[in-house]
Amino acid sequence: MKIYDYNGRKNISGDRIREARLKLKLSQAELAAQMQIEGINIERDSISRVEIGTRFIPDYELPAFSKVLNVPVEWILGMKDH
């Protein structure tokens, strides 16, 4: 499967995920643990890669990020302000 780049990144949501994580004062490891509770198998290093834009985010992970970070999916995608 080919993963495409968008402006040199694999996702458009990493910056917002990082912003929401920091607002909640969660470490990357804590975010990964919370995601695992939601049924998403993701490690701390994958969270890091999401945030810097070098990891693709499958659509099934977005609702879990939204729930754990307490922000709308639309905000994560940059479609609305929070």
C-alpha atoms as a PDB file:
ATOM      1  CA  MET A   1       0.000   0.000   0.000  1.00  0.00           C
ATOM      2  CA  LYS A   2       1.350   3.401  -0.946  1.00  0.00           C
ATOM      3  CA  ILE A   3       1.068   6.097   1.694  1.00  0.00           C
ATOM      4  CA  TYR A   4       0.995   9.517   0.108  1.00  0.00           C
ATOM      5  CA  ASP A   5       2.564  12.676   1.448  1.00  0.00           C
ATOM      6  CA  TYR A   6       0.664  15.929   1.826  1.00  0.00           C
ATOM      7  CA  ASN A   7       3.075  18.858   1.912  1.00  0.00           C
ATOM      8  CA  GLY A   8       5.808  16.477   3.035  1.00  0.00           C
ATOM      9  CA  ARG A   9       3.754  14.924   5.850  1.00  0.00           C
ATOM     10  CA  LYS A  10       1.868  11.661   6.234  1.00  0.00           C
ATOM     11  CA  ASN A  11      -0.986  13.330   8.163  1.00  0.00           C
ATOM     12  CA  ILE A  12      -2.572  16.735   8.724  1.00  0.00           C
ATOM     13  CA  SER A  13      -3.565  16.092  12.342  1.00  0.00           C
ATOM     14  CA  GLY A  14      -0.295  15.625  14.201  1.00  0.00           C
ATOM     15  CA  ASP A  15       0.078  19.246  15.265  1.00  0.00           C
ATOM     16  CA  ARG A  16      -3.453  19.332  16.689  1.00  0.00           C
ATOM     17  CA  ILE A  17      -3.005  15.995  18.456  1.00  0.00           C
ATOM     18  CA  ARG A  18       0.173  17.315  20.075  1.00  0.00           C
ATOM     19  CA  GLU A  19      -1.553  20.574  21.044  1.00  0.00           C
ATOM     20  CA  ALA A  20      -4.471  18.738  22.681  1.00  0.00           C
ATOM     21  CA  ARG A  21      -2.139  16.276  24.437  1.00  0.00           C
ATOM     22  CA  LEU A  22      -0.052  19.090  25.918  1.00  0.00           C
ATOM     23  CA  LYS A  23      -3.180  20.973  27.001  1.00  0.00           C
ATOM     24  CA  LEU A  24      -4.204  17.876  28.985  1.00  0.00           C
ATOM     25  CA  LYS A  25      -0.633  17.543  30.324  1.00  0.00           C
ATOM     26  CA  LEU A  26      -0.357  13.979  29.020  1.00  0.00           C
ATOM     27  CA  SER A  27       2.952  12.440  28.045  1.00  0.00           C
ATOM     28  CA  GLN A  28       3.165  10.566  24.778  1.00  0.00           C
ATOM     29  CA  ALA A  29       3.318   7.312  26.770  1.00  0.00           C
ATOM     30  CA  GLU A  30       0.177   8.275  28.691  1.00  0.00           C
ATOM     31  CA  LEU A  31      -1.645   9.091  25.458  1.00  0.00           C
ATOM     32  CA  ALA A  32      -0.578   5.748  23.980  1.00  0.00           C
ATOM     33  CA  ALA A  33      -1.849   3.950  27.110  1.00  0.00           C
ATOM     34  CA  GLN A  34      -5.209   5.750  26.901  1.00  0.00           C
ATOM     35  CA  MET A  35      -5.480   4.876  23.214  1.00  0.00           C
ATOM     36  CA  GLN A  36      -4.813   1.229  24.057  1.00  0.00           C
ATOM     37  CA  ILE A  37      -7.667   1.327  26.590  1.00  0.00           C
ATOM     38  CA  GLU A  38      -9.851   2.491  23.679  1.00  0.00           C
ATOM     39  CA  GLY A  39      -8.754  -0.562  21.668  1.00  0.00           C
ATOM     40  CA  ILE A  40      -6.119   1.104  19.489  1.00  0.00           C
ATOM     41  CA  ASN A  41      -2.778  -0.682  19.609  1.00  0.00           C
ATOM     42  CA  ILE A  42      -0.313   2.213  19.449  1.00  0.00           C
ATOM     43  CA  GLU A  43       3.020   2.768  21.187  1.00  0.00           C
ATOM     44  CA  ARG A  44       4.733   5.925  22.455  1.00  0.00           C
ATOM     45  CA  ASP A  45       7.071   6.093  19.468  1.00  0.00           C
ATOM     46  CA  SER A  46       4.078   5.959  17.127  1.00  0.00           C
ATOM     47  CA  ILE A  47       2.510   8.912  18.951  1.00  0.00           C
ATOM     48  CA  SER A  48       5.775  10.785  18.409  1.00  0.00           C
ATOM     49  CA  ARG A  49       5.728   9.972  14.695  1.00  0.00           C
ATOM     50  CA  VAL A  50       2.067  11.040  14.426  1.00  0.00           C
ATOM     51  CA  GLU A  51       2.898  14.374  16.016  1.00  0.00           C
ATOM     52  CA  ILE A  52       5.851  15.089  13.722  1.00  0.00           C
ATOM     53  CA  GLY A  53       3.914  13.921  10.666  1.00  0.00           C
ATOM     54  CA  THR A  54       5.916  10.849   9.698  1.00  0.00           C
ATOM     55  CA  ARG A  55       3.155   8.337  10.531  1.00  0.00           C
ATOM     56  CA  PHE A  56      -0.096   7.906   8.653  1.00  0.00           C
ATOM     57  CA  ILE A  57      -3.246   8.054  10.841  1.00  0.00           C
ATOM     58  CA  PRO A  58      -5.883   5.523   9.791  1.00  0.00           C
ATOM     59  CA  ASP A  59      -9.452   6.795   9.987  1.00  0.00           C
ATOM     60  CA  TYR A  60     -10.372   4.280  12.705  1.00  0.00           C
ATOM     61  CA  GLU A  61      -7.881   5.947  15.078  1.00  0.00           C
ATOM     62  CA  LEU A  62      -9.415   9.429  14.793  1.00  0.00           C
ATOM     63  CA  PRO A  63     -12.491   8.755  16.981  1.00  0.00           C
ATOM     64  CA  ALA A  64     -10.239   7.307  19.695  1.00  0.00           C
ATOM     65  CA  PHE A  65      -7.903  10.321  19.559  1.00  0.00           C
ATOM     66  CA  SER A  66     -11.003  12.530  19.735  1.00  0.00           C
ATOM     67  CA  LYS A  67     -12.387  10.733  22.787  1.00  0.00           C
ATOM     68  CA  VAL A  68      -9.101  10.507  24.694  1.00  0.00           C
ATOM     69  CA  LEU A  69      -8.130  14.123  23.951  1.00  0.00           C
ATOM     70  CA  ASN A  70     -11.666  15.428  24.498  1.00  0.00           C
ATOM     71  CA  VAL A  71     -11.782  17.323  21.199  1.00  0.00           C
ATOM     72  CA  PRO A  72     -14.001  16.890  18.109  1.00  0.00           C
ATOM     73  CA  VAL A  73     -12.649  14.889  15.174  1.00  0.00           C
ATOM     74  CA  GLU A  74     -13.348  17.947  13.011  1.00  0.00           C
ATOM     75  CA  TRP A  75     -10.970  19.979  15.183  1.00  0.00           C
ATOM     76  CA  ILE A  76      -8.253  17.317  14.902  1.00  0.00           C
ATOM     77  CA  LEU A  77      -8.643  17.506  11.129  1.00  0.00           C
ATOM     78  CA  GLY A  78      -8.399  21.301  11.166  1.00  0.00           C
ATOM     79  CA  MET A  79     -11.957  21.738   9.942  1.00  0.00           C
ATOM     80  CA  LYS A  80     -13.068  23.926  12.844  1.00  0.00           C
ATOM     81  CA  ASP A  81     -11.716  25.877  15.766  1.00  0.00           C
ATOM     82  CA  HIS A  82     -11.912  24.453  19.266  1.00  0.00           C
END
